[in-house]
Protein backbone atom coordinates (compact mmCIF):
# COMPACT_ATOMS: atom_id res chain seq x y z
CA MET A 1 20.74 -9.90 -0.54
CA ASN A 2 17.34 -11.20 -1.70
CA VAL A 3 14.72 -12.67 0.61
CA SER A 4 15.43 -16.30 -0.25
CA VAL A 5 19.10 -16.00 0.68
CA TRP A 6 18.26 -14.01 3.81
CA LEU A 7 15.74 -16.63 5.02
CA LYS A 8 18.33 -19.38 4.65
CA SER A 9 20.78 -17.24 6.63
CA LEU A 10 18.13 -16.66 9.30
CA TRP A 11 17.51 -20.39 9.49
CA LEU A 12 21.20 -21.02 10.24
CA ASP A 13 21.17 -18.24 12.84
CA CYS A 14 18.29 -19.90 14.66
CA LEU A 15 20.09 -23.24 14.69
CA GLN A 16 23.12 -21.60 16.32
CA LEU A 17 21.37 -19.21 18.69
CA ALA A 18 18.63 -21.38 20.11
CA PRO A 19 20.07 -24.72 21.29
CA GLY A 20 17.61 -26.22 23.71
CA GLY A 21 15.32 -23.25 23.31
CA GLN A 22 17.21 -21.21 25.93
CA LYS A 23 17.89 -18.13 23.81
CA GLU A 24 15.18 -15.97 22.31
CA VAL A 25 15.49 -14.82 18.74
CA ALA A 26 13.22 -12.06 17.46
CA LEU A 27 12.34 -12.35 13.80
CA PRO A 28 13.54 -9.17 12.04
CA ARG A 29 11.55 -7.50 9.32
CA GLY A 30 14.10 -8.44 6.71
CA GLY A 31 17.64 -8.02 5.54
CA SER A 32 21.24 -9.08 5.75
CA GLN A 33 23.09 -9.21 9.02
CA VAL A 34 25.89 -6.89 10.12
CA GLY A 35 28.08 -7.75 13.10
CA SER A 36 27.74 -10.84 15.26
CA GLY A 37 26.07 -12.18 18.38
CA ALA A 38 23.43 -10.18 20.26
CA SER A 39 24.57 -6.93 18.65
CA ARG A 40 23.68 -7.98 15.12
CA LYS A 41 21.61 -5.57 13.09
CA PHE A 42 19.65 -6.33 9.95
CA GLN A 43 19.52 -4.39 6.70
CA PRO A 44 16.44 -4.47 4.43
CA PRO A 45 16.65 -7.08 1.67
CA THR A 46 15.73 -6.83 -1.96
CA VAL A 47 12.43 -8.68 -2.10
CA ASP A 48 12.21 -11.62 -4.46
CA HIS A 49 8.71 -11.47 -5.98
CA ASP A 50 8.89 -15.17 -6.91
CA ILE A 51 9.46 -16.40 -3.37
CA SER A 52 7.07 -19.26 -2.65
CA PRO A 53 4.36 -18.74 0.02
CA LEU A 54 4.62 -22.48 0.72
CA TYR A 55 8.35 -22.05 1.41
CA LEU A 56 7.60 -19.24 3.86
CA THR A 57 4.91 -21.28 5.63
CA VAL A 58 7.21 -24.28 6.02
CA LEU A 59 9.97 -22.03 7.32
CA TYR A 60 7.55 -20.53 9.85
CA PHE A 61 6.78 -23.93 11.38
CA LEU A 62 10.43 -25.00 11.30
CA LEU A 63 11.46 -21.85 13.17
CA GLU A 64 8.81 -22.47 15.82
CA MET A 65 10.05 -26.03 16.23
CA ILE A 66 13.69 -24.98 16.57
CA LEU A 67 13.03 -22.07 18.93
CA LYS A 68 10.34 -23.90 20.90
CA LYS A 69 8.27 -20.69 21.04
CA PRO A 70 5.68 -19.00 18.82
CA MET A 71 7.29 -16.65 16.31
CA LEU A 72 4.16 -14.69 15.41
CA LYS A 73 0.41 -14.95 15.89
CA SER A 74 -0.03 -17.18 12.85
CA PRO A 75 1.62 -18.37 9.64
CA GLN A 76 -0.59 -15.83 7.84
CA SER A 77 0.96 -12.96 9.80
CA PHE A 78 4.38 -14.33 8.87
CA LEU A 79 3.43 -14.30 5.20
CA VAL A 80 1.90 -10.82 5.16
CA SER A 81 5.10 -9.34 6.57
CA PHE A 82 6.43 -9.84 3.03
CA LYS A 83 3.36 -8.36 1.33
CA GLN A 84 3.98 -5.51 -1.10
CA VAL A 85 1.18 -3.16 -2.13
CA ALA A 86 1.44 -0.02 -4.26
CA PHE A 87 -0.61 1.58 -7.01
CA SER A 88 -0.77 4.78 -9.02
CA ALA A 89 -3.32 5.80 -11.62
CA SER A 90 -4.66 8.84 -13.46
CA LEU A 91 -8.25 9.53 -14.42
CA LEU A 92 -8.30 9.00 -18.20
CA ASP A 93 -6.52 6.23 -20.07
CA GLN A 94 -6.51 8.26 -23.30
CA GLY A 95 -7.54 11.57 -24.76
CA HIS A 96 -8.87 14.45 -22.65
CA GLY A 97 -12.16 15.31 -20.99
CA ASP A 98 -14.13 16.58 -18.01
CA ILE A 99 -16.20 14.90 -15.30
CA GLY A 100 -18.84 16.95 -13.51
CA PRO A 101 -20.26 19.02 -12.12
CA PHE A 102 -22.97 16.92 -10.45
CA ASN A 103 -25.34 17.61 -7.56
CA THR A 104 -24.04 14.63 -5.59
CA GLN A 105 -20.67 13.00 -5.05
CA ILE A 106 -19.64 10.21 -7.41
CA THR A 107 -16.79 7.70 -7.14
CA LEU A 108 -14.01 8.53 -9.58
CA ILE A 109 -12.59 5.68 -11.64
CA PHE A 110 -8.92 6.21 -12.39
CA LYS A 111 -8.42 4.15 -15.54
CA HIS A 112 -4.81 4.86 -16.57
CA VAL A 113 -2.92 2.53 -14.22
CA VAL A 114 0.87 2.85 -14.23
CA THR A 115 1.54 0.74 -11.12
CA ASN A 116 -0.61 -1.86 -9.36
CA ILE A 117 1.64 -4.11 -7.30
CA GLY A 118 -0.51 -6.55 -5.38
CA ASN A 119 -3.55 -5.77 -7.58
CA ALA A 120 -5.38 -4.15 -4.67
CA TYR A 121 -6.65 -1.28 -6.83
CA ASN A 122 -9.54 -2.03 -9.18
CA PRO A 123 -9.41 0.16 -12.34
CA HIS A 124 -12.98 -0.83 -13.20
CA THR A 125 -14.52 0.50 -9.96
CA GLY A 126 -11.93 3.01 -8.75
CA ILE A 127 -11.82 1.26 -5.38
CA PHE A 128 -8.73 0.15 -3.45
CA THR A 129 -9.30 -2.87 -1.18
CA ALA A 130 -6.79 -3.54 1.62
CA PRO A 131 -5.34 -7.06 1.29
CA VAL A 132 -3.69 -7.02 4.74
CA ARG A 133 -4.11 -5.14 8.01
CA GLY A 134 -1.69 -2.24 8.11
CA VAL A 135 -1.02 1.45 7.65
CA TYR A 136 -1.40 2.75 4.10
CA HIS A 137 -0.65 6.15 2.61
CA PHE A 138 -2.78 7.73 -0.13
CA ASP A 139 -2.33 10.79 -2.32
CA TRP A 140 -4.83 12.28 -4.75
CA SER A 141 -4.97 15.35 -6.95
CA SER A 142 -7.44 16.99 -9.30
CA TYR A 143 -7.07 19.56 -12.05
CA GLY A 144 -9.74 22.08 -13.00
CA TYR A 145 -10.22 25.20 -15.09
CA GLY A 146 -12.63 28.07 -15.64
CA ASN A 147 -14.89 29.38 -12.89
CA ILE A 148 -15.98 25.99 -11.54
CA GLY A 149 -14.17 24.56 -8.51
CA THR A 150 -12.28 21.29 -8.65
CA GLY A 151 -11.84 18.74 -5.89
CA GLY A 152 -12.01 15.19 -4.65
CA VAL A 153 -12.64 13.68 -1.23
CA LEU A 154 -10.98 10.53 0.11
CA PHE A 155 -13.41 7.93 1.45
CA ARG A 156 -12.81 4.88 3.63
CA ASN A 157 -15.78 2.50 3.76
CA GLY A 158 -18.17 5.36 3.11
CA GLU A 159 -16.50 7.67 5.65
CA ASN A 160 -15.36 11.11 4.49
CA ILE A 161 -11.66 11.38 5.43
CA PHE A 162 -10.01 14.42 3.79
CA LEU A 163 -11.00 16.84 1.05
CA ALA A 164 -8.79 18.43 -1.60
CA TYR A 165 -10.54 21.41 -3.18
CA GLU A 166 -9.71 24.64 -5.02
CA GLN A 167 -11.96 27.36 -6.43
CA GLN A 168 -10.71 29.61 -9.21
CA THR A 169 -12.25 32.41 -11.26
CA SER A 170 -10.33 31.70 -14.46
CA GLY A 171 -7.40 29.69 -15.81
CA GLY A 172 -6.31 26.33 -14.42
CA VAL A 173 -5.86 25.14 -10.86
CA SER A 174 -4.91 21.95 -9.03
CA ALA A 175 -6.00 20.59 -5.66
CA SER A 176 -4.19 17.79 -3.81
CA ASN A 177 -4.04 16.13 -0.41
CA GLY A 178 -2.71 13.04 1.35
CA ALA A 179 -3.58 10.77 4.27
CA SER A 180 -2.19 7.78 6.16
CA LEU A 181 -4.85 5.30 7.29
CA LEU A 182 -4.94 2.16 9.40
CA LEU A 183 -6.94 -0.33 7.35
CA GLU A 184 -8.34 -3.73 8.18
CA VAL A 185 -8.43 -6.53 5.62
CA GLY A 186 -11.22 -5.73 3.16
CA ASP A 187 -11.47 -2.02 3.97
CA GLN A 188 -12.16 0.02 0.84
CA VAL A 189 -10.69 3.39 -0.10
CA SER A 190 -11.71 5.59 -3.02
CA VAL A 191 -11.85 9.20 -4.19
CA ARG A 192 -15.18 10.87 -4.90
CA LEU A 193 -15.78 13.97 -6.97
CA TRP A 194 -16.91 16.79 -4.69
CA ALA A 195 -20.52 17.82 -5.33
CA GLY A 196 -20.65 20.82 -7.67
CA ALA A 197 -17.02 20.41 -8.72
CA ARG A 198 -15.53 19.58 -12.11
CA ILE A 199 -12.28 17.80 -12.87
CA HIS A 200 -10.26 17.56 -16.06
CA ASP A 201 -7.64 15.14 -17.29
CA ASN A 202 -5.62 14.80 -20.48
CA GLN A 203 -2.44 13.25 -21.85
CA ASN A 204 -0.47 14.98 -19.06
CA HIS A 205 -2.33 12.91 -16.42
CA GLN A 206 -2.86 15.71 -13.87
CA THR A 207 -5.75 14.09 -11.99
CA THR A 208 -4.35 11.13 -10.05
CA PHE A 209 -4.87 8.64 -7.22
CA SER A 210 -2.00 6.73 -5.60
CA GLY A 211 -1.37 4.64 -2.51
CA HIS A 212 0.98 2.15 -0.91
CA LEU A 213 1.37 -0.05 2.15
CA ILE A 214 3.75 1.49 4.70
CA PHE A 215 3.82 -1.44 7.14
CA THR A 216 1.63 -4.32 8.36
CA MET A 217 0.10 -4.46 11.84
């Protein structure tokens, strides 16, 4: 069931369950209904990317009118519950090469973007900007070789969060890490090359940065 069909079904549910505003109906996260009455459970829907924000806003106000109670804090919070955010990118868009080492940390720009749903990641700056308040998960990895360490540190608004680092004496090595962060709208997340480290990338795309929205708050 896609979101459009589910919203129409939810609308009919509200008409039946809230005559006179005596029964409370909690808006589920999404999905098709199973069972009937108070015991109904909802299954996640397949999100329709073309669903109109205007349609959702109108539905929000209609639901408030029918139920005679606020559904959420605002129409905006109703809309963001349908927001989808995910990205994944590797360092180089073509060829192979090294970055570093440098005496200071620099922001890495991951140019080879394979996924950027919601366009929250900027491949020109290497910075992810949170479009909605919520919990996001990020993963990053770096590949190095020789006797120079490799590593990257995750930053949120200039704050050092977690480091992924490996030091080898010869051959190749990878370092990786992950973190889940509560972000406010406009918060920025990026990966910086660790000072003194060197990273390598090639057609195998071994140095990467990825993230996605887990849920809104």
